[in-house]
Amino acid sequence: MQLSEQIKNIRQRAFLSQEKYAKELDVSISTVIRWENGKSCPNLTAMKKIKDFCKKYELPFNDIEEEWFKLKEN
């Protein structure tokens, strides 16, 4: 599963709208939309926030992290 799909999946598994998800991560809603559409990729700071989000909602983070590293390598 691509990073964009995984980011969307964890948001949906937490039952949050894009707006509420953006507030949880302290980013703009347009940033979340770009991530979910595959137009951009979270930076390191955002990945740390996503990791904390996953811990808070007891969601898996390893697959997201692996996909992020793959994107950064290319």
PDB file of N, CA and C in Angstrom:
ATOM      1  N   MET A   1       0.849  -1.176   0.000  1.00  0.00           N
ATOM      2  CA  MET A   1       0.000   0.000   0.000  1.00  0.00           C
ATOM      3  C   MET A   1       0.897   1.243   0.000  1.00  0.00           C
ATOM      4  N   GLN A   2       0.561   2.187  -0.827  1.00  0.00           N
ATOM      5  CA  GLN A   2       1.353   3.410  -0.917  1.00  0.00           C
ATOM      6  C   GLN A   2       1.204   4.259   0.339  1.00  0.00           C
ATOM      7  N   LEU A   3       2.166   5.138   0.551  1.00  0.00           N
ATOM      8  CA  LEU A   3       2.163   6.009   1.728  1.00  0.00           C
ATOM      9  C   LEU A   3       0.883   6.838   1.784  1.00  0.00           C
ATOM     10  N   SER A   4       0.480   7.390   0.660  1.00  0.00           N
ATOM     11  CA  SER A   4      -0.731   8.223   0.637  1.00  0.00           C
ATOM     12  C   SER A   4      -1.955   7.439   1.110  1.00  0.00           C
ATOM     13  N   GLU A   5      -2.066   6.195   0.683  1.00  0.00           N
ATOM     14  CA  GLU A   5      -3.191   5.353   1.094  1.00  0.00           C
ATOM     15  C   GLU A   5      -3.110   5.018   2.572  1.00  0.00           C
ATOM     16  N   GLN A   6      -1.909   4.786   3.062  1.00  0.00           N
ATOM     17  CA  GLN A   6      -1.738   4.452   4.478  1.00  0.00           C
ATOM     18  C   GLN A   6      -2.069   5.641   5.374  1.00  0.00           C
ATOM     19  N   ILE A   7      -1.679   6.830   4.952  1.00  0.00           N
ATOM     20  CA  ILE A   7      -1.996   8.035   5.734  1.00  0.00           C
ATOM     21  C   ILE A   7      -3.512   8.210   5.808  1.00  0.00           C
ATOM     22  N   LYS A   8      -4.171   8.026   4.690  1.00  0.00           N
ATOM     23  CA  LYS A   8      -5.632   8.131   4.667  1.00  0.00           C
ATOM     24  C   LYS A   8      -6.260   7.042   5.534  1.00  0.00           C
ATOM     25  N   ASN A   9      -5.711   5.844   5.448  1.00  0.00           N
ATOM     26  CA  ASN A   9      -6.248   4.714   6.192  1.00  0.00           C
ATOM     27  C   ASN A   9      -6.189   4.943   7.700  1.00  0.00           C
ATOM     28  N   ILE A  10      -5.060   5.437   8.207  1.00  0.00           N
ATOM     29  CA  ILE A  10      -4.980   5.646   9.663  1.00  0.00           C
ATOM     30  C   ILE A  10      -5.921   6.758  10.114  1.00  0.00           C
ATOM     31  N   ARG A  11      -6.108   7.769   9.267  1.00  0.00           N
ATOM     32  CA  ARG A  11      -7.074   8.833   9.604  1.00  0.00           C
ATOM     33  C   ARG A  11      -8.472   8.247   9.698  1.00  0.00           C
ATOM     34  N   GLN A  12      -8.837   7.432   8.721  1.00  0.00           N
ATOM     35  CA  GLN A  12     -10.170   6.846   8.706  1.00  0.00           C
ATOM     36  C   GLN A  12     -10.370   5.850   9.846  1.00  0.00           C
ATOM     37  N   ARG A  13      -9.331   5.113  10.186  1.00  0.00           N
ATOM     38  CA  ARG A  13      -9.435   4.155  11.295  1.00  0.00           C
ATOM     39  C   ARG A  13      -9.623   4.858  12.630  1.00  0.00           C
ATOM     40  N   ALA A  14      -9.190   6.112  12.720  1.00  0.00           N
ATOM     41  CA  ALA A  14      -9.407   6.907  13.932  1.00  0.00           C
ATOM     42  C   ALA A  14     -10.736   7.667  13.856  1.00  0.00           C
ATOM     43  N   PHE A  15     -11.472   7.481  12.765  1.00  0.00           N
ATOM     44  CA  PHE A  15     -12.773   8.118  12.550  1.00  0.00           C
ATOM     45  C   PHE A  15     -12.684   9.649  12.588  1.00  0.00           C
ATOM     46  N   LEU A  16     -11.664  10.192  11.920  1.00  0.00           N
ATOM     47  CA  LEU A  16     -11.476  11.638  11.891  1.00  0.00           C
ATOM     48  C   LEU A  16     -11.636  12.172  10.478  1.00  0.00           C
ATOM     49  N   SER A  17     -12.182  13.378  10.392  1.00  0.00           N
ATOM     50  CA  SER A  17     -12.221  14.080   9.112  1.00  0.00           C
ATOM     51  C   SER A  17     -10.817  14.583   8.800  1.00  0.00           C
ATOM     52  N   GLN A  18     -10.605  15.001   7.572  1.00  0.00           N
ATOM     53  CA  GLN A  18      -9.304  15.559   7.213  1.00  0.00           C
ATOM     54  C   GLN A  18      -8.997  16.788   8.062  1.00  0.00           C
ATOM     55  N   GLU A  19     -10.027  17.584   8.344  1.00  0.00           N
ATOM     56  CA  GLU A  19      -9.840  18.794   9.149  1.00  0.00           C
ATOM     57  C   GLU A  19      -9.395  18.449  10.572  1.00  0.00           C
ATOM     58  N   LYS A  20     -10.057  17.507  11.200  1.00  0.00           N
ATOM     59  CA  LYS A  20      -9.700  17.132  12.573  1.00  0.00           C
ATOM     60  C   LYS A  20      -8.339  16.434  12.631  1.00  0.00           C
ATOM     61  N   TYR A  21      -8.048  15.650  11.612  1.00  0.00           N
ATOM     62  CA  TYR A  21      -6.748  14.992  11.517  1.00  0.00           C
ATOM     63  C   TYR A  21      -5.645  16.044  11.402  1.00  0.00           C
ATOM     64  N   ALA A  22      -5.867  17.038  10.567  1.00  0.00           N
ATOM     65  CA  ALA A  22      -4.894  18.120  10.410  1.00  0.00           C
ATOM     66  C   ALA A  22      -4.648  18.834  11.741  1.00  0.00           C
ATOM     67  N   LYS A  23      -5.723  19.071  12.489  1.00  0.00           N
ATOM     68  CA  LYS A  23      -5.576  19.728  13.797  1.00  0.00           C
ATOM     69  C   LYS A  23      -4.784  18.850  14.765  1.00  0.00           C
ATOM     70  N   GLU A  24      -5.043  17.547  14.732  1.00  0.00           N
ATOM     71  CA  GLU A  24      -4.302  16.615  15.604  1.00  0.00           C
ATOM     72  C   GLU A  24      -2.807  16.666  15.322  1.00  0.00           C
ATOM     73  N   LEU A  25      -2.459  16.799  14.033  1.00  0.00           N
ATOM     74  CA  LEU A  25      -1.054  16.791  13.627  1.00  0.00           C
ATOM     75  C   LEU A  25      -0.449  18.192  13.573  1.00  0.00           C
ATOM     76  N   ASP A  26      -1.270  19.198  13.806  1.00  0.00           N
ATOM     77  CA  ASP A  26      -0.833  20.594  13.761  1.00  0.00           C
ATOM     78  C   ASP A  26      -0.267  20.960  12.379  1.00  0.00           C
ATOM     79  N   VAL A  27      -1.015  20.561  11.346  1.00  0.00           N
ATOM     80  CA  VAL A  27      -0.696  20.935   9.970  1.00  0.00           C
ATOM     81  C   VAL A  27      -1.975  21.481   9.332  1.00  0.00           C
ATOM     82  N   SER A  28      -1.848  22.062   8.158  1.00  0.00           N
ATOM     83  CA  SER A  28      -3.035  22.590   7.479  1.00  0.00           C
ATOM     84  C   SER A  28      -3.812  21.447   6.817  1.00  0.00           C
ATOM     85  N   ILE A  29      -5.079  21.697   6.594  1.00  0.00           N
ATOM     86  CA  ILE A  29      -5.908  20.685   5.932  1.00  0.00           C
ATOM     87  C   ILE A  29      -5.409  20.447   4.509  1.00  0.00           C
ATOM     88  N   SER A  30      -4.896  21.482   3.860  1.00  0.00           N
ATOM     89  CA  SER A  30      -4.375  21.306   2.495  1.00  0.00           C
ATOM     90  C   SER A  30      -3.154  20.381   2.497  1.00  0.00           C
ATOM     91  N   THR A  31      -2.379  20.404   3.569  1.00  0.00           N
ATOM     92  CA  THR A  31      -1.241  19.495   3.688  1.00  0.00           C
ATOM     93  C   THR A  31      -1.725  18.053   3.754  1.00  0.00           C
ATOM     94  N   VAL A  32      -2.730  17.791   4.561  1.00  0.00           N
ATOM     95  CA  VAL A  32      -3.294  16.438   4.664  1.00  0.00           C
ATOM     96  C   VAL A  32      -3.841  15.993   3.310  1.00  0.00           C
ATOM     97  N   ILE A  33      -4.525  16.876   2.622  1.00  0.00           N
ATOM     98  CA  ILE A  33      -5.080  16.549   1.306  1.00  0.00           C
ATOM     99  C   ILE A  33      -3.963  16.198   0.328  1.00  0.00           C
ATOM    100  N   ARG A  34      -2.880  16.971   0.327  1.00  0.00           N
ATOM    101  CA  ARG A  34      -1.740  16.671  -0.557  1.00  0.00           C
ATOM    102  C   ARG A  34      -1.107  15.327  -0.211  1.00  0.00           C
ATOM    103  N   TRP A  35      -0.981  15.019   1.070  1.00  0.00           N
ATOM    104  CA  TRP A  35      -0.433  13.717   1.475  1.00  0.00           C
ATOM    105  C   TRP A  35      -1.317  12.594   0.965  1.00  0.00           C
ATOM    106  N   GLU A  36      -2.625  12.724   1.190  1.00  0.00           N
ATOM    107  CA  GLU A  36      -3.563  11.658   0.840  1.00  0.00           C
ATOM    108  C   GLU A  36      -3.709  11.493  -0.666  1.00  0.00           C
ATOM    109  N   ASN A  37      -3.453  12.544  -1.426  1.00  0.00           N
ATOM    110  CA  ASN A  37      -3.522  12.465  -2.886  1.00  0.00           C
ATOM    111  C   ASN A  37      -2.175  12.109  -3.508  1.00  0.00           C
ATOM    112  N   GLY A  38      -1.157  11.936  -2.666  1.00  0.00           N
ATOM    113  CA  GLY A  38       0.158  11.571  -3.159  1.00  0.00           C
ATOM    114  C   GLY A  38       0.903  12.720  -3.829  1.00  0.00           C
ATOM    115  N   LYS A  39       0.457  13.950  -3.605  1.00  0.00           N
ATOM    116  CA  LYS A  39       1.101  15.122  -4.207  1.00  0.00           C
ATOM    117  C   LYS A  39       2.347  15.540  -3.439  1.00  0.00           C
ATOM    118  N   SER A  40       2.391  15.205  -2.151  1.00  0.00           N
ATOM    119  CA  SER A  40       3.561  15.510  -1.339  1.00  0.00           C
ATOM    120  C   SER A  40       3.709  14.427  -0.282  1.00  0.00           C
ATOM    121  N   CYS A  41       4.799  14.517   0.440  1.00  0.00           N
ATOM    122  CA  CYS A  41       5.164  13.504   1.425  1.00  0.00           C
ATOM    123  C   CYS A  41       5.454  14.223   2.750  1.00  0.00           C
ATOM    124  N   PRO A  42       5.049  13.655   3.876  1.00  0.00           N
ATOM    125  CA  PRO A  42       5.354  14.296   5.159  1.00  0.00           C
ATOM    126  C   PRO A  42       6.860  14.442   5.372  1.00  0.00           C
ATOM    127  N   ASN A  43       7.254  15.540   6.003  1.00  0.00           N
ATOM    128  CA  ASN A  43       8.665  15.707   6.367  1.00  0.00           C
ATOM    129  C   ASN A  43       8.920  14.963   7.680  1.00  0.00           C
ATOM    130  N   LEU A  44      10.142  15.016   8.166  1.00  0.00           N
ATOM    131  CA  LEU A  44      10.514  14.274   9.372  1.00  0.00           C
ATOM    132  C   LEU A  44       9.687  14.714  10.586  1.00  0.00           C
ATOM    133  N   THR A  45       9.486  15.997  10.738  1.00  0.00           N
ATOM    134  CA  THR A  45       8.694  16.509  11.862  1.00  0.00           C
ATOM    135  C   THR A  45       7.267  15.970  11.806  1.00  0.00           C
ATOM    136  N   ALA A  46       6.688  15.988  10.622  1.00  0.00           N
ATOM    137  CA  ALA A  46       5.330  15.474  10.461  1.00  0.00           C
ATOM    138  C   ALA A  46       5.275  13.975  10.727  1.00  0.00           C
ATOM    139  N   MET A  47       6.303  13.263  10.316  1.00  0.00           N
ATOM    140  CA  MET A  47       6.334  11.819  10.574  1.00  0.00           C
ATOM    141  C   MET A  47       6.370  11.526  12.069  1.00  0.00           C
ATOM    142  N   LYS A  48       7.069  12.341  12.832  1.00  0.00           N
ATOM    143  CA  LYS A  48       7.082  12.177  14.285  1.00  0.00           C
ATOM    144  C   LYS A  48       5.689  12.392  14.857  1.00  0.00           C
ATOM    145  N   LYS A  49       4.973  13.380  14.310  1.00  0.00           N
ATOM    146  CA  LYS A  49       3.605  13.648  14.765  1.00  0.00           C
ATOM    147  C   LYS A  49       2.670  12.506  14.376  1.00  0.00           C
ATOM    148  N   ILE A  50       2.874  11.954  13.188  1.00  0.00           N
ATOM    149  CA  ILE A  50       2.062  10.811  12.752  1.00  0.00           C
ATOM    150  C   ILE A  50       2.335   9.604  13.646  1.00  0.00           C
ATOM    151  N   LYS A  51       3.581   9.414  14.018  1.00  0.00           N
ATOM    152  CA  LYS A  51       3.933   8.311  14.920  1.00  0.00           C
ATOM    153  C   LYS A  51       3.231   8.481  16.265  1.00  0.00           C
ATOM    154  N   ASP A  52       3.255   9.696  16.811  1.00  0.00           N
ATOM    155  CA  ASP A  52       2.565   9.969  18.078  1.00  0.00           C
ATOM    156  C   ASP A  52       1.060   9.753  17.930  1.00  0.00           C
ATOM    157  N   PHE A  53       0.516  10.158  16.792  1.00  0.00           N
ATOM    158  CA  PHE A  53      -0.902   9.964  16.506  1.00  0.00           C
ATOM    159  C   PHE A  53      -1.237   8.473  16.526  1.00  0.00           C
ATOM    160  N   CYS A  54      -0.403   7.678  15.862  1.00  0.00           N
ATOM    161  CA  CYS A  54      -0.630   6.232  15.811  1.00  0.00           C
ATOM    162  C   CYS A  54      -0.580   5.609  17.211  1.00  0.00           C
ATOM    163  N   LYS A  55       0.361   6.067  18.028  1.00  0.00           N
ATOM    164  CA  LYS A  55       0.431   5.568  19.409  1.00  0.00           C
ATOM    165  C   LYS A  55      -0.837   5.923  20.173  1.00  0.00           C
ATOM    166  N   LYS A  56      -1.280   7.160  20.032  1.00  0.00           N
ATOM    167  CA  LYS A  56      -2.463   7.635  20.746  1.00  0.00           C
ATOM    168  C   LYS A  56      -3.696   6.809  20.389  1.00  0.00           C
ATOM    169  N   TYR A  57      -3.859   6.492  19.117  1.00  0.00           N
ATOM    170  CA  TYR A  57      -5.031   5.760  18.653  1.00  0.00           C
ATOM    171  C   TYR A  57      -4.780   4.258  18.493  1.00  0.00           C
ATOM    172  N   GLU A  58      -3.606   3.807  18.958  1.00  0.00           N
ATOM    173  CA  GLU A  58      -3.225   2.392  18.900  1.00  0.00           C
ATOM    174  C   GLU A  58      -3.324   1.840  17.478  1.00  0.00           C
ATOM    175  N   LEU A  59      -2.708   2.573  16.551  1.00  0.00           N
ATOM    176  CA  LEU A  59      -2.682   2.190  15.141  1.00  0.00           C
ATOM    177  C   LEU A  59      -1.257   1.813  14.749  1.00  0.00           C
ATOM    178  N   PRO A  60      -1.103   0.907  13.797  1.00  0.00           N
ATOM    179  CA  PRO A  60       0.241   0.505  13.380  1.00  0.00           C
ATOM    180  C   PRO A  60       0.964   1.630  12.641  1.00  0.00           C
ATOM    181  N   PHE A  61       2.243   1.761  12.910  1.00  0.00           N
ATOM    182  CA  PHE A  61       3.056   2.810  12.284  1.00  0.00           C
ATOM    183  C   PHE A  61       4.148   2.245  11.379  1.00  0.00           C
ATOM    184  N   ASN A  62       4.568   1.008  11.603  1.00  0.00           N
ATOM    185  CA  ASN A  62       5.721   0.439  10.894  1.00  0.00           C
ATOM    186  C   ASN A  62       5.596   0.487   9.379  1.00  0.00           C
ATOM    187  N   ASP A  63       4.433   0.139   8.837  1.00  0.00           N
ATOM    188  CA  ASP A  63       4.253   0.141   7.383  1.00  0.00           C
ATOM    189  C   ASP A  63       4.356   1.549   6.809  1.00  0.00           C
ATOM    190  N   ILE A  64       3.816   2.507   7.530  1.00  0.00           N
ATOM    191  CA  ILE A  64       3.889   3.906   7.087  1.00  0.00           C
ATOM    192  C   ILE A  64       5.352   4.352   7.057  1.00  0.00           C
ATOM    193  N   GLU A  65       6.059   4.007   8.101  1.00  0.00           N
ATOM    194  CA  GLU A  65       7.465   4.387   8.193  1.00  0.00           C
ATOM    195  C   GLU A  65       8.282   3.756   7.061  1.00  0.00           C
ATOM    196  N   GLU A  66       8.037   2.481   6.778  1.00  0.00           N
ATOM    197  CA  GLU A  66       8.757   1.797   5.701  1.00  0.00           C
ATOM    198  C   GLU A  66       8.506   2.454   4.353  1.00  0.00           C
ATOM    199  N   GLU A  67       7.254   2.787   4.059  1.00  0.00           N
ATOM    200  CA  GLU A  67       6.916   3.444   2.794  1.00  0.00           C
ATOM    201  C   GLU A  67       7.557   4.825   2.704  1.00  0.00           C
ATOM    202  N   TRP A  68       7.587   5.530   3.823  1.00  0.00           N
ATOM    203  CA  TRP A  68       8.197   6.863   3.859  1.00  0.00           C
ATOM    204  C   TRP A  68       9.683   6.767   3.520  1.00  0.00           C
ATOM    205  N   PHE A  69      10.365   5.790   4.116  1.00  0.00           N
ATOM    206  CA  PHE A  69      11.788   5.603   3.834  1.00  0.00           C
ATOM    207  C   PHE A  69      12.022   5.256   2.367  1.00  0.00           C
ATOM    208  N   LYS A  70      11.152   4.414   1.796  1.00  0.00           N
ATOM    209  CA  LYS A  70      11.279   4.067   0.381  1.00  0.00           C
ATOM    210  C   LYS A  70      11.182   5.318  -0.494  1.00  0.00           C
ATOM    211  N   LEU A  71      10.228   6.187  -0.179  1.00  0.00           N
ATOM    212  CA  LEU A  71      10.066   7.424  -0.954  1.00  0.00           C
ATOM    213  C   LEU A  71      11.273   8.337  -0.815  1.00  0.00           C
ATOM    214  N   LYS A  72      11.810   8.405   0.385  1.00  0.00           N
ATOM    215  CA  LYS A  72      12.964   9.281   0.633  1.00  0.00           C
ATOM    216  C   LYS A  72      14.226   8.772  -0.064  1.00  0.00           C
ATOM    217  N   GLU A  73      14.321   7.454  -0.261  1.00  0.00           N
ATOM    218  CA  GLU A  73      15.481   6.886  -0.935  1.00  0.00           C
ATOM    219  C   GLU A  73      15.493   7.215  -2.425  1.00  0.00           C
ATOM    220  N   ASN A  74      14.302   7.363  -3.001  1.00  0.00           N
ATOM    221  CA  ASN A  74      14.213   7.615  -4.459  1.00  0.00           C
ATOM    222  C   ASN A  74      14.358   9.048  -4.815  1.00  0.00           C
TER     223      ASN A  74
END
